[in-house]
Protein backbone atom coordinates (compact mmCIF):
# COMPACT_ATOMS: atom_id res chain seq x y z
CA MET A 1 0.00 0.00 0.00
CA PRO A 2 1.49 3.37 -0.95
CA ILE A 3 2.24 5.82 1.81
CA GLY A 4 0.14 8.98 1.67
CA LYS A 5 0.78 12.45 3.04
CA SER A 6 -0.76 11.65 6.44
CA ASP A 7 0.88 8.23 6.77
CA PHE A 8 4.13 7.64 8.58
CA GLU A 9 6.31 4.71 9.51
CA LEU A 10 7.29 3.65 13.02
CA SER A 11 10.17 1.49 14.06
CA MET A 12 9.50 -1.60 16.17
CA ASP A 13 10.75 0.26 19.26
CA GLU A 14 8.38 3.16 18.53
CA LEU A 15 5.48 0.72 18.05
CA ARG A 16 6.27 -0.81 21.44
CA VAL A 17 6.12 2.63 23.07
CA VAL A 18 2.74 3.33 21.46
CA ALA A 19 1.41 -0.11 22.46
CA ARG A 20 2.61 0.37 26.04
CA TYR A 21 0.87 3.74 26.25
CA ALA A 22 -2.34 2.23 24.88
CA VAL A 23 -2.34 -0.72 27.28
CA GLU A 24 -1.49 1.45 30.30
CA SER A 25 -4.32 3.81 29.39
CA ALA A 26 -6.77 0.95 28.91
CA GLN A 27 -5.72 -0.59 32.21
CA GLU A 28 -6.54 2.66 34.02
CA VAL A 29 -10.16 2.65 32.85
CA LEU A 30 -10.69 -1.11 33.02
CA PRO A 31 -12.30 -0.97 36.49
CA LEU A 32 -14.90 1.49 35.19
CA PHE A 33 -15.71 -0.75 32.25
CA GLU A 34 -15.91 -3.86 34.42
CA GLU A 35 -18.24 -2.08 36.81
CA ALA A 36 -20.64 -1.45 33.95
CA LYS A 37 -20.10 -4.69 32.00
CA SER A 38 -18.70 -7.25 34.43
CA GLU A 39 -19.68 -10.16 32.19
CA ASP A 40 -17.54 -8.94 29.26
CA LEU A 41 -14.03 -10.33 29.72
CA ARG A 42 -12.67 -9.19 26.35
CA PRO A 43 -10.99 -5.97 27.57
CA ARG A 44 -9.21 -7.73 30.43
CA LEU A 45 -8.09 -10.51 28.10
CA ALA A 46 -6.88 -8.00 25.52
CA ILE A 47 -4.88 -6.09 28.12
CA GLY A 48 -3.37 -9.34 29.35
CA ALA A 49 -2.41 -10.31 25.80
CA ALA A 50 -0.87 -6.89 25.17
CA TRP A 51 1.37 -7.21 28.22
């Protein structure tokens, strides 16, 4: 796929930094989600997989 004006490339180290930020952010709000949707285990499982 050609790279457009708004596209950019990240190194593997940069992708790890972005992924870490995303999982840390998701982990912070996980208790709120689980309070509302305790039966849905997908977010917890996704966070676990990301770590």
